[in-house]
Amino acid sequence: MSGPIDAVQCLHNAFRRDMLQIDEAAYEIARREGDLPKLLNRFQVMGEILDYHAKGEEVTAFPAINGISPQFADTYIMDHRELDRLVIGLKVLSGDPDELAAARETAAMNQHLRLHLDKEDRFLYPLLRTRLTDQEQGAMVGRMSGGVPPEKAPMLVNWLYPLLNPGERVVMTGVWKALMPPEVFEKHKSLIRQTIGGEWDDLVKRLPGLE
């Protein structure tokens, strides 16, 4: 059975996939041609969601891990500040698109983000999983998810669910169902159904009690 931390790792996989696709597209635009402003707008959506996630970790997961091993989170906070710098750099480029500069920045962002997420998934979250109770994990992930403003829920779901595989959709939806107040989950469920369209029936089959 999936636990709350599994949802965090599904979100990490979505970040990896989207950033890889953005980086590959930026490279192709620099080599040949393409719509760089549209790609940078796509990146800004991911960057905004990444910012909500990072801030959520800094007020939940990082204090929790420091309670187990003091200063453990310091290197992850350093990673977050570098990611902030890269996101800002790409945002600046949106005002004056430069294909070569964008390709360099997305390559740096892709590499740094992947290494950071790999460290979290291999060291930070497995340690939290073994040292926190299920209730503590649920409270941590619930508070992390609550950092996304309610009006941003459509943006989050529209970005996230196309990037998840069927198994990850089950995990994410199941964790949201367990942690969200029923009225909030109903709104998210409607957004999920709209976003994945014809794949909704498969999610219902995989996750008993969804409907």
Protein backbone atom coordinates (compact mmCIF):
# COMPACT_ATOMS: atom_id res chain seq x y z
CA MET A 1 0.00 0.00 0.00
CA SER A 2 1.27 3.46 -0.91
CA GLY A 3 2.07 6.01 1.77
CA PRO A 4 2.15 9.82 1.72
CA ILE A 5 5.84 9.99 0.87
CA ASP A 6 5.22 7.98 -2.31
CA ALA A 7 3.18 10.94 -3.60
CA VAL A 8 6.20 13.21 -3.14
CA GLN A 9 8.33 10.88 -5.21
CA CYS A 10 5.67 10.78 -7.95
CA LEU A 11 5.81 14.57 -8.03
CA HIS A 12 9.59 14.39 -8.29
CA ASN A 13 9.26 12.09 -11.30
CA ALA A 14 6.98 14.63 -12.98
CA PHE A 15 9.58 17.36 -12.43
CA ARG A 16 12.28 15.16 -13.94
CA ARG A 17 10.23 14.33 -17.03
CA ASP A 18 9.06 17.85 -17.70
CA MET A 19 12.49 19.38 -17.24
CA LEU A 20 14.09 16.78 -19.50
CA GLN A 21 11.53 17.49 -22.22
CA ILE A 22 12.03 21.25 -21.86
CA ASP A 23 15.81 20.90 -22.05
CA GLU A 24 15.64 18.69 -25.15
CA ALA A 25 13.26 21.14 -26.82
CA ALA A 26 15.52 24.10 -25.97
CA TYR A 27 18.47 22.28 -27.53
CA GLU A 28 16.52 21.63 -30.72
CA ILE A 29 15.44 25.27 -30.89
CA ALA A 30 19.06 26.40 -30.54
CA ARG A 31 20.18 23.95 -33.25
CA ARG A 32 17.38 24.54 -35.71
CA GLU A 33 14.29 26.57 -34.90
CA GLY A 34 11.18 26.58 -32.77
CA ASP A 35 8.93 28.64 -30.55
CA LEU A 36 11.21 29.65 -27.69
CA PRO A 37 8.74 32.05 -25.99
CA LYS A 38 6.17 29.24 -25.82
CA LEU A 39 8.76 26.88 -24.33
CA LEU A 40 9.81 29.47 -21.75
CA ASN A 41 6.17 29.98 -20.78
CA ARG A 42 5.91 26.23 -20.27
CA PHE A 43 8.99 26.36 -18.07
CA GLN A 44 7.48 29.12 -15.96
CA VAL A 45 4.54 26.88 -15.08
CA MET A 46 6.89 24.14 -13.92
CA GLY A 47 9.04 26.71 -12.12
CA GLU A 48 6.06 28.04 -10.18
CA ILE A 49 4.99 24.56 -9.08
CA LEU A 50 8.59 23.71 -8.18
CA ASP A 51 8.70 26.83 -6.01
CA TYR A 52 5.56 25.80 -4.09
CA HIS A 53 7.04 22.34 -3.59
CA ALA A 54 10.44 23.62 -2.44
CA LYS A 55 8.89 26.03 0.04
CA GLY A 56 6.69 23.22 1.33
CA GLU A 57 9.74 21.03 1.91
CA GLU A 58 11.52 23.83 3.74
CA VAL A 59 8.74 24.18 6.31
CA THR A 60 7.93 20.48 6.67
CA ALA A 61 10.41 17.86 5.46
CA PHE A 62 13.59 19.79 6.25
CA PRO A 63 12.71 20.60 9.89
CA ALA A 64 11.62 16.98 10.29
CA ILE A 65 14.92 15.62 8.99
CA ASN A 66 16.91 18.07 11.11
CA GLY A 67 15.05 16.75 14.15
CA ILE A 68 16.49 13.33 13.31
CA SER A 69 19.93 14.41 12.12
CA PRO A 70 20.82 18.07 12.80
CA GLN A 71 22.02 20.07 9.77
CA PHE A 72 21.13 17.19 7.43
CA ALA A 73 18.96 19.55 5.38
CA ASP A 74 21.59 22.23 4.86
CA THR A 75 22.88 20.84 1.58
CA TYR A 76 19.32 20.51 0.25
CA ILE A 77 18.61 24.14 1.12
CA MET A 78 21.74 25.11 -0.84
CA ASP A 79 20.34 23.16 -3.79
CA HIS A 80 17.05 25.05 -3.51
CA ARG A 81 18.78 28.42 -3.64
CA GLU A 82 20.66 27.39 -6.80
CA LEU A 83 17.42 26.19 -8.35
CA ASP A 84 15.88 29.57 -7.48
CA ARG A 85 18.72 31.29 -9.32
CA LEU A 86 18.25 29.14 -12.42
CA VAL A 87 14.49 29.67 -12.47
CA ILE A 88 14.96 33.43 -12.20
CA GLY A 89 17.53 33.34 -15.01
CA LEU A 90 15.11 31.61 -17.34
CA LYS A 91 12.34 34.00 -16.32
CA VAL A 92 14.55 36.92 -17.29
CA LEU A 93 15.13 35.31 -20.68
CA SER A 94 11.38 35.33 -21.29
CA GLY A 95 11.60 39.10 -21.71
CA ASP A 96 14.37 38.88 -24.28
CA PRO A 97 14.49 35.35 -25.73
CA ASP A 98 17.93 34.08 -26.71
CA GLU A 99 18.05 30.53 -28.08
CA LEU A 100 21.64 29.74 -27.11
CA ALA A 101 21.36 31.25 -23.63
CA ALA A 102 18.12 29.35 -23.05
CA ALA A 103 19.71 26.05 -24.08
CA ARG A 104 22.62 26.63 -21.68
CA GLU A 105 20.30 27.52 -18.80
CA THR A 106 17.90 24.62 -19.34
CA ALA A 107 20.83 22.19 -19.51
CA ALA A 108 22.13 23.48 -16.17
CA MET A 109 18.64 23.39 -14.67
CA ASN A 110 17.99 19.85 -15.89
CA GLN A 111 21.23 18.52 -14.45
CA HIS A 112 20.98 20.31 -11.12
CA LEU A 113 17.32 19.45 -10.60
CA ARG A 114 17.87 15.78 -11.43
CA LEU A 115 20.80 15.44 -9.03
CA HIS A 116 18.89 17.26 -6.27
CA LEU A 117 15.79 15.09 -6.64
CA ASP A 118 17.90 11.95 -6.79
CA LYS A 119 19.52 12.86 -3.47
CA GLU A 120 16.16 13.52 -1.85
CA ASP A 121 14.66 10.27 -3.13
CA ARG A 122 17.66 8.17 -2.17
CA PHE A 123 18.55 9.67 1.21
CA LEU A 124 16.14 12.23 2.66
CA TYR A 125 12.73 10.66 2.10
CA PRO A 126 13.74 7.04 2.84
CA LEU A 127 15.09 8.24 6.21
CA LEU A 128 11.88 10.13 6.94
CA ARG A 129 9.87 7.07 5.95
CA THR A 130 11.68 4.90 8.51
CA ARG A 131 11.72 7.45 11.34
CA LEU A 132 8.29 9.09 11.11
CA THR A 133 4.99 7.39 11.86
CA ASP A 134 2.37 7.12 9.13
CA GLN A 135 0.41 9.86 10.88
CA GLU A 136 3.46 12.14 10.98
CA GLN A 137 4.20 11.45 7.31
CA GLY A 138 0.61 12.24 6.41
CA ALA A 139 0.69 15.51 8.35
CA MET A 140 3.96 16.49 6.68
CA VAL A 141 2.79 15.77 3.14
CA GLY A 142 -0.63 17.28 3.79
CA ARG A 143 0.93 20.53 4.96
CA MET A 144 3.30 20.46 1.98
CA SER A 145 0.39 20.05 -0.45
CA GLY A 146 -1.54 22.78 1.34
CA GLY A 147 1.12 25.27 0.33
CA VAL A 148 -0.33 25.41 -3.18
CA PRO A 149 -2.97 28.18 -3.25
CA PRO A 150 -6.47 26.81 -3.97
CA GLU A 151 -6.81 28.95 -7.09
CA LYS A 152 -3.69 27.25 -8.49
CA ALA A 153 -5.21 23.75 -8.29
CA PRO A 154 -6.21 23.70 -12.00
CA MET A 155 -2.69 24.67 -13.02
CA LEU A 156 -1.19 21.98 -10.78
CA VAL A 157 -3.45 19.17 -11.99
CA ASN A 158 -3.18 20.17 -15.65
CA TRP A 159 0.59 20.17 -15.37
CA LEU A 160 1.01 17.09 -13.18
CA TYR A 161 -1.29 14.36 -14.42
CA PRO A 162 -0.11 14.18 -18.05
CA LEU A 163 3.41 13.64 -16.69
CA LEU A 164 2.46 10.70 -14.44
CA ASN A 165 2.25 7.07 -15.53
CA PRO A 166 -0.91 5.09 -14.60
CA GLY A 167 0.58 3.68 -11.39
CA GLU A 168 1.75 7.10 -10.24
CA ARG A 169 -1.70 8.55 -10.89
CA VAL A 170 -3.13 5.93 -8.55
CA VAL A 171 -0.63 6.83 -5.83
CA MET A 172 -1.10 10.59 -6.16
CA THR A 173 -4.88 10.40 -6.29
CA GLY A 174 -5.05 7.93 -3.40
CA VAL A 175 -2.86 10.10 -1.19
CA TRP A 176 -4.84 13.23 -2.03
CA LYS A 177 -8.07 11.37 -1.26
CA ALA A 178 -6.70 10.29 2.12
CA LEU A 179 -5.29 13.67 3.12
CA MET A 180 -7.65 16.28 1.66
CA PRO A 181 -10.98 17.31 3.15
CA PRO A 182 -13.73 15.63 1.09
CA GLU A 183 -14.95 18.87 -0.50
CA VAL A 184 -11.41 19.79 -1.57
CA PHE A 185 -10.74 16.33 -2.98
CA GLU A 186 -13.98 16.43 -4.99
CA LYS A 187 -12.72 19.57 -6.75
CA HIS A 188 -9.38 17.92 -7.46
CA LYS A 189 -11.09 14.76 -8.67
CA SER A 190 -13.12 16.78 -11.16
CA LEU A 191 -9.94 18.47 -12.41
CA ILE A 192 -8.18 15.11 -12.75
CA ARG A 193 -11.07 13.71 -14.76
CA GLN A 194 -11.06 16.71 -17.09
CA THR A 195 -7.29 16.53 -17.51
CA ILE A 196 -6.85 12.84 -18.34
CA GLY A 197 -10.07 12.46 -20.31
CA GLY A 198 -10.44 8.97 -21.73
CA GLU A 199 -7.90 7.57 -19.27
CA TRP A 200 -10.20 8.29 -16.32
CA ASP A 201 -11.88 4.88 -16.49
CA ASP A 202 -8.50 3.18 -16.12
CA LEU A 203 -7.76 5.24 -12.99
CA VAL A 204 -11.16 4.30 -11.52
CA LYS A 205 -10.44 0.61 -12.12
CA ARG A 206 -7.04 0.87 -10.46
CA LEU A 207 -8.25 2.86 -7.45
CA PRO A 208 -11.32 1.28 -5.81
CA GLY A 209 -13.68 3.75 -4.19
CA LEU A 210 -12.69 6.66 -6.41
CA GLU A 211 -16.22 7.04 -7.74
